[in-house]
Amino acid sequence: MSALTWSTGFANRLFDAVVAPRAVYAHCDIPCGIYDPHEAQIAALTVLRMDQLIADLAHPGPDAKLEDRAAYVSKMSRYTAVKEQHAEKVKSEVRVIWGDYFTPDHVKANPQAHDMVWQIMKQASKARQGIALDDAQALVTAVQAFAELFWKTKGAKTQRLPSMQKSGGEIVYPMA
């Protein structure tokens, strides 16, 4: 082992000891052939639900007790953090399906696919940046359209069923 190899390895281990490496998550990239837009739909519904909770959150008045203000800030922070995570999850799930599953033949047969994915990325960012229920609902709608397109490429018909989630809405499922 050369001195350069040893010193580089030592420096990397020392850096990792001081600043812990962050976890990295990815789809398998084999490709495994297992893709499903269900998680993107659930994540979009979660963004909608967080905006609903934020809209329903009573802002403490100027004479509010300190603990009431703290409770408000805590709830707002948690709702916002969850919304951020799930908007990013929408983007990640759609990006993986788009990049790993869709083929040139899929795009040729469905020329709207590229713009659809681009719009989802933009809409997820918009929903993430604000608290407008319309923006969150537009994200849900865009992801549902993507789910329908995805299942179409697999030759499956789809159906929309009630999500049974507090946010309401529907989820797109393939029909057997």
C-alpha atoms as a PDB file:
ATOM      1  CA  MET A   1       0.000   0.000   0.000  1.00  0.00           C
ATOM      2  CA  SER A   2       1.461   3.338  -1.011  1.00  0.00           C
ATOM      3  CA  ALA A   3       1.773   6.237   1.396  1.00  0.00           C
ATOM      4  CA  LEU A   4      -0.696   8.237  -0.718  1.00  0.00           C
ATOM      5  CA  THR A   5      -3.320   5.475  -0.602  1.00  0.00           C
ATOM      6  CA  TRP A   6      -2.849   5.061   3.137  1.00  0.00           C
ATOM      7  CA  SER A   7      -3.027   8.804   3.849  1.00  0.00           C
ATOM      8  CA  THR A   8      -6.108   9.266   1.639  1.00  0.00           C
ATOM      9  CA  GLY A   9      -7.873   6.374   3.365  1.00  0.00           C
ATOM     10  CA  PHE A  10      -6.879   7.709   6.783  1.00  0.00           C
ATOM     11  CA  ALA A  11      -8.112  11.206   5.884  1.00  0.00           C
ATOM     12  CA  ASN A  12     -11.447   9.821   4.684  1.00  0.00           C
ATOM     13  CA  ARG A  13     -11.915   7.771   7.875  1.00  0.00           C
ATOM     14  CA  LEU A  14     -10.968  10.766  10.009  1.00  0.00           C
ATOM     15  CA  PHE A  15     -13.420  13.001   8.144  1.00  0.00           C
ATOM     16  CA  ASP A  16     -16.171  10.372   8.536  1.00  0.00           C
ATOM     17  CA  ALA A  17     -15.454  10.213  12.272  1.00  0.00           C
ATOM     18  CA  VAL A  18     -15.844  13.987  12.594  1.00  0.00           C
ATOM     19  CA  VAL A  19     -18.759  14.430  10.172  1.00  0.00           C
ATOM     20  CA  ALA A  20     -20.896  11.310   9.960  1.00  0.00           C
ATOM     21  CA  PRO A  21     -21.757  10.341   6.398  1.00  0.00           C
ATOM     22  CA  ARG A  22     -25.422  10.873   5.553  1.00  0.00           C
ATOM     23  CA  ALA A  23     -27.586   7.963   4.490  1.00  0.00           C
ATOM     24  CA  VAL A  24     -28.224   7.674   0.779  1.00  0.00           C
ATOM     25  CA  TYR A  25     -31.321   5.993  -0.599  1.00  0.00           C
ATOM     26  CA  ALA A  26     -31.910   4.853  -4.159  1.00  0.00           C
ATOM     27  CA  HIS A  27     -33.974   2.506  -6.199  1.00  0.00           C
ATOM     28  CA  CYS A  28     -32.041  -0.620  -7.105  1.00  0.00           C
ATOM     29  CA  ASP A  29     -30.864   0.488 -10.597  1.00  0.00           C
ATOM     30  CA  ILE A  30     -30.514  -3.151 -11.625  1.00  0.00           C
ATOM     31  CA  PRO A  31     -33.191  -2.476 -13.149  1.00  0.00           C
ATOM     32  CA  CYS A  32     -35.449  -4.773 -11.202  1.00  0.00           C
ATOM     33  CA  GLY A  33     -38.595  -4.099 -13.199  1.00  0.00           C
ATOM     34  CA  ILE A  34     -40.610  -3.341 -10.062  1.00  0.00           C
ATOM     35  CA  TYR A  35     -42.116   0.109 -10.404  1.00  0.00           C
ATOM     36  CA  ASP A  36     -45.367   1.510  -9.065  1.00  0.00           C
ATOM     37  CA  PRO A  37     -46.584   5.111  -8.768  1.00  0.00           C
ATOM     38  CA  HIS A  38     -48.584   4.305  -5.618  1.00  0.00           C
ATOM     39  CA  GLU A  39     -46.047   5.851  -3.233  1.00  0.00           C
ATOM     40  CA  ALA A  40     -45.980   9.048  -5.308  1.00  0.00           C
ATOM     41  CA  GLN A  41     -49.755   9.263  -4.994  1.00  0.00           C
ATOM     42  CA  ILE A  42     -49.650   8.755  -1.216  1.00  0.00           C
ATOM     43  CA  ALA A  43     -46.902  11.370  -0.918  1.00  0.00           C
ATOM     44  CA  ALA A  44     -48.956  13.863  -2.960  1.00  0.00           C
ATOM     45  CA  LEU A  45     -51.991  13.227  -0.748  1.00  0.00           C
ATOM     46  CA  THR A  46     -49.763  13.819   2.277  1.00  0.00           C
ATOM     47  CA  VAL A  47     -48.696  17.206   0.882  1.00  0.00           C
ATOM     48  CA  LEU A  48     -52.384  18.043   0.482  1.00  0.00           C
ATOM     49  CA  ARG A  49     -53.175  16.875   4.005  1.00  0.00           C
ATOM     50  CA  MET A  50     -50.380  18.951   5.531  1.00  0.00           C
ATOM     51  CA  ASP A  51     -51.712  22.045   3.745  1.00  0.00           C
ATOM     52  CA  GLN A  52     -55.180  21.223   5.070  1.00  0.00           C
ATOM     53  CA  LEU A  53     -53.810  20.962   8.607  1.00  0.00           C
ATOM     54  CA  ILE A  54     -51.900  24.230   8.199  1.00  0.00           C
ATOM     55  CA  ALA A  55     -55.070  25.943   6.929  1.00  0.00           C
ATOM     56  CA  ASP A  56     -57.011  24.676   9.956  1.00  0.00           C
ATOM     57  CA  LEU A  57     -54.324  25.673  12.446  1.00  0.00           C
ATOM     58  CA  ALA A  58     -55.582  28.519  14.626  1.00  0.00           C
ATOM     59  CA  HIS A  59     -53.055  31.332  14.814  1.00  0.00           C
ATOM     60  CA  PRO A  60     -52.552  32.406  18.425  1.00  0.00           C
ATOM     61  CA  GLY A  61     -53.705  35.916  19.143  1.00  0.00           C
ATOM     62  CA  PRO A  62     -51.505  38.690  20.556  1.00  0.00           C
ATOM     63  CA  ASP A  63     -52.584  37.830  24.112  1.00  0.00           C
ATOM     64  CA  ALA A  64     -51.958  34.093  23.730  1.00  0.00           C
ATOM     65  CA  LYS A  65     -50.080  32.231  26.416  1.00  0.00           C
ATOM     66  CA  LEU A  66     -46.496  31.281  25.737  1.00  0.00           C
ATOM     67  CA  GLU A  67     -47.387  27.573  25.658  1.00  0.00           C
ATOM     68  CA  ASP A  68     -50.129  28.248  23.061  1.00  0.00           C
ATOM     69  CA  ARG A  69     -47.631  30.102  20.863  1.00  0.00           C
ATOM     70  CA  ALA A  70     -45.119  27.292  21.318  1.00  0.00           C
ATOM     71  CA  ALA A  71     -47.746  24.692  20.396  1.00  0.00           C
ATOM     72  CA  TYR A  72     -48.605  26.648  17.242  1.00  0.00           C
ATOM     73  CA  VAL A  73     -44.960  26.950  16.184  1.00  0.00           C
ATOM     74  CA  SER A  74     -44.358  23.276  16.913  1.00  0.00           C
ATOM     75  CA  LYS A  75     -47.341  22.122  14.861  1.00  0.00           C
ATOM     76  CA  MET A  76     -46.547  24.490  11.995  1.00  0.00           C
ATOM     77  CA  SER A  77     -42.941  23.283  11.966  1.00  0.00           C
ATOM     78  CA  ARG A  78     -43.925  19.613  11.948  1.00  0.00           C
ATOM     79  CA  TYR A  79     -46.569  20.054   9.243  1.00  0.00           C
ATOM     80  CA  THR A  80     -44.133  22.004   7.093  1.00  0.00           C
ATOM     81  CA  ALA A  81     -41.337  19.465   7.557  1.00  0.00           C
ATOM     82  CA  VAL A  82     -43.616  16.563   6.618  1.00  0.00           C
ATOM     83  CA  LYS A  83     -44.909  18.486   3.591  1.00  0.00           C
ATOM     84  CA  GLU A  84     -41.320  19.157   2.483  1.00  0.00           C
ATOM     85  CA  GLN A  85     -40.361  15.486   2.822  1.00  0.00           C
ATOM     86  CA  HIS A  86     -43.374  14.237   0.898  1.00  0.00           C
ATOM     87  CA  ALA A  87     -43.111  16.806  -1.903  1.00  0.00           C
ATOM     88  CA  GLU A  88     -39.545  15.609  -2.373  1.00  0.00           C
ATOM     89  CA  LYS A  89     -40.741  11.997  -2.236  1.00  0.00           C
ATOM     90  CA  VAL A  90     -43.196  12.730  -5.066  1.00  0.00           C
ATOM     91  CA  LYS A  91     -40.336  14.069  -7.137  1.00  0.00           C
ATOM     92  CA  SER A  92     -38.081  11.136  -6.293  1.00  0.00           C
ATOM     93  CA  GLU A  93     -40.682   8.447  -7.018  1.00  0.00           C
ATOM     94  CA  VAL A  94     -41.696  10.015 -10.342  1.00  0.00           C
ATOM     95  CA  ARG A  95     -38.071  10.653 -11.305  1.00  0.00           C
ATOM     96  CA  VAL A  96     -37.140   6.991 -10.705  1.00  0.00           C
ATOM     97  CA  ILE A  97     -40.059   5.709 -12.777  1.00  0.00           C
ATOM     98  CA  TRP A  98     -39.320   8.246 -15.505  1.00  0.00           C
ATOM     99  CA  GLY A  99     -35.595   7.551 -15.593  1.00  0.00           C
ATOM    100  CA  ASP A 100     -35.508   3.820 -14.981  1.00  0.00           C
ATOM    101  CA  TYR A 101     -38.775   2.459 -16.328  1.00  0.00           C
ATOM    102  CA  PHE A 102     -39.846   4.645 -19.265  1.00  0.00           C
ATOM    103  CA  THR A 103     -38.289   3.681 -22.586  1.00  0.00           C
ATOM    104  CA  PRO A 104     -38.064   5.610 -25.859  1.00  0.00           C
ATOM    105  CA  ASP A 105     -40.952   3.450 -27.116  1.00  0.00           C
ATOM    106  CA  HIS A 106     -43.109   4.513 -24.141  1.00  0.00           C
ATOM    107  CA  VAL A 107     -42.371   8.162 -24.894  1.00  0.00           C
ATOM    108  CA  LYS A 108     -43.005   7.710 -28.609  1.00  0.00           C
ATOM    109  CA  ALA A 109     -46.413   6.169 -27.848  1.00  0.00           C
ATOM    110  CA  ASN A 110     -47.127   8.824 -25.183  1.00  0.00           C
ATOM    111  CA  PRO A 111     -45.521  12.085 -26.322  1.00  0.00           C
ATOM    112  CA  GLN A 112     -47.077  13.969 -23.385  1.00  0.00           C
ATOM    113  CA  ALA A 113     -44.965  11.951 -20.920  1.00  0.00           C
ATOM    114  CA  HIS A 114     -41.947  14.262 -20.850  1.00  0.00           C
ATOM    115  CA  ASP A 115     -44.024  17.385 -20.256  1.00  0.00           C
ATOM    116  CA  MET A 116     -46.123  15.537 -17.679  1.00  0.00           C
ATOM    117  CA  VAL A 117     -43.046  14.641 -15.625  1.00  0.00           C
ATOM    118  CA  TRP A 118     -41.640  18.161 -15.969  1.00  0.00           C
ATOM    119  CA  GLN A 119     -44.951  19.610 -14.764  1.00  0.00           C
ATOM    120  CA  ILE A 120     -44.996  17.283 -11.747  1.00  0.00           C
ATOM    121  CA  MET A 121     -41.496  18.423 -10.774  1.00  0.00           C
ATOM    122  CA  LYS A 122     -42.544  22.072 -11.053  1.00  0.00           C
ATOM    123  CA  GLN A 123     -45.854  21.507  -9.260  1.00  0.00           C
ATOM    124  CA  ALA A 124     -44.186  19.619  -6.408  1.00  0.00           C
ATOM    125  CA  SER A 125     -41.836  22.566  -5.936  1.00  0.00           C
ATOM    126  CA  LYS A 126     -44.722  25.020  -6.021  1.00  0.00           C
ATOM    127  CA  ALA A 127     -46.722  22.995  -3.495  1.00  0.00           C
ATOM    128  CA  ARG A 128     -43.638  22.753  -1.325  1.00  0.00           C
ATOM    129  CA  GLN A 129     -42.988  26.498  -1.373  1.00  0.00           C
ATOM    130  CA  GLY A 130     -46.457  27.638  -0.373  1.00  0.00           C
ATOM    131  CA  ILE A 131     -49.531  26.561   1.518  1.00  0.00           C
ATOM    132  CA  ALA A 132     -52.199  27.004  -1.141  1.00  0.00           C
ATOM    133  CA  LEU A 133     -54.575  24.048  -1.152  1.00  0.00           C
ATOM    134  CA  ASP A 134     -55.064  24.512  -4.906  1.00  0.00           C
ATOM    135  CA  ASP A 135     -51.346  23.939  -5.494  1.00  0.00           C
ATOM    136  CA  ALA A 136     -51.388  20.753  -3.424  1.00  0.00           C
ATOM    137  CA  GLN A 137     -54.528  19.524  -5.187  1.00  0.00           C
ATOM    138  CA  ALA A 138     -52.920  20.265  -8.565  1.00  0.00           C
ATOM    139  CA  LEU A 139     -49.998  18.068  -7.502  1.00  0.00           C
ATOM    140  CA  VAL A 140     -52.350  15.223  -6.594  1.00  0.00           C
ATOM    141  CA  THR A 141     -54.109  15.577  -9.949  1.00  0.00           C
ATOM    142  CA  ALA A 142     -50.827  15.581 -11.883  1.00  0.00           C
ATOM    143  CA  VAL A 143     -49.548  12.500 -10.069  1.00  0.00           C
ATOM    144  CA  GLN A 144     -52.835  10.687 -10.704  1.00  0.00           C
ATOM    145  CA  ALA A 145     -52.499  11.439 -14.440  1.00  0.00           C
ATOM    146  CA  PHE A 146     -48.936  10.108 -14.307  1.00  0.00           C
ATOM    147  CA  ALA A 147     -50.145   6.938 -12.567  1.00  0.00           C
ATOM    148  CA  GLU A 148     -52.734   6.414 -15.285  1.00  0.00           C
ATOM    149  CA  LEU A 149     -50.093   6.898 -17.981  1.00  0.00           C
ATOM    150  CA  PHE A 150     -47.714   4.519 -16.211  1.00  0.00           C
ATOM    151  CA  TRP A 151     -50.317   1.747 -16.025  1.00  0.00           C
ATOM    152  CA  LYS A 152     -51.277   2.391 -19.652  1.00  0.00           C
ATOM    153  CA  THR A 153     -47.675   1.622 -20.675  1.00  0.00           C
ATOM    154  CA  LYS A 154     -48.070  -1.743 -18.948  1.00  0.00           C
ATOM    155  CA  GLY A 155     -51.291  -2.430 -20.837  1.00  0.00           C
ATOM    156  CA  ALA A 156     -53.451  -2.093 -17.733  1.00  0.00           C
ATOM    157  CA  LYS A 157     -56.709  -0.239 -17.433  1.00  0.00           C
ATOM    158  CA  THR A 158     -57.058   1.856 -14.319  1.00  0.00           C
ATOM    159  CA  GLN A 159     -59.717   2.779 -11.842  1.00  0.00           C
ATOM    160  CA  ARG A 160     -59.876   5.551  -9.303  1.00  0.00           C
ATOM    161  CA  LEU A 161     -60.997   4.553  -5.857  1.00  0.00           C
ATOM    162  CA  PRO A 162     -61.501   6.714  -2.780  1.00  0.00           C
ATOM    163  CA  SER A 163     -58.176   7.080  -1.005  1.00  0.00           C
ATOM    164  CA  MET A 164     -59.773   6.544   2.415  1.00  0.00           C
ATOM    165  CA  GLN A 165     -57.216   9.079   3.711  1.00  0.00           C
ATOM    166  CA  LYS A 166     -58.027  12.148   5.799  1.00  0.00           C
ATOM    167  CA  SER A 167     -57.042  14.342   2.851  1.00  0.00           C
ATOM    168  CA  GLY A 168     -59.815  12.780   0.786  1.00  0.00           C
ATOM    169  CA  GLY A 169     -59.291  12.305  -2.914  1.00  0.00           C
ATOM    170  CA  GLU A 170     -58.756   9.218  -4.968  1.00  0.00           C
ATOM    171  CA  ILE A 171     -55.937   6.836  -5.812  1.00  0.00           C
ATOM    172  CA  VAL A 172     -55.365   5.335  -9.237  1.00  0.00           C
ATOM    173  CA  TYR A 173     -55.114   1.532  -9.233  1.00  0.00           C
ATOM    174  CA  PRO A 174     -54.514  -0.925 -12.083  1.00  0.00           C
ATOM    175  CA  MET A 175     -57.377  -3.251 -12.855  1.00  0.00           C
ATOM    176  CA  ALA A 176     -56.661  -6.962 -13.154  1.00  0.00           C
END
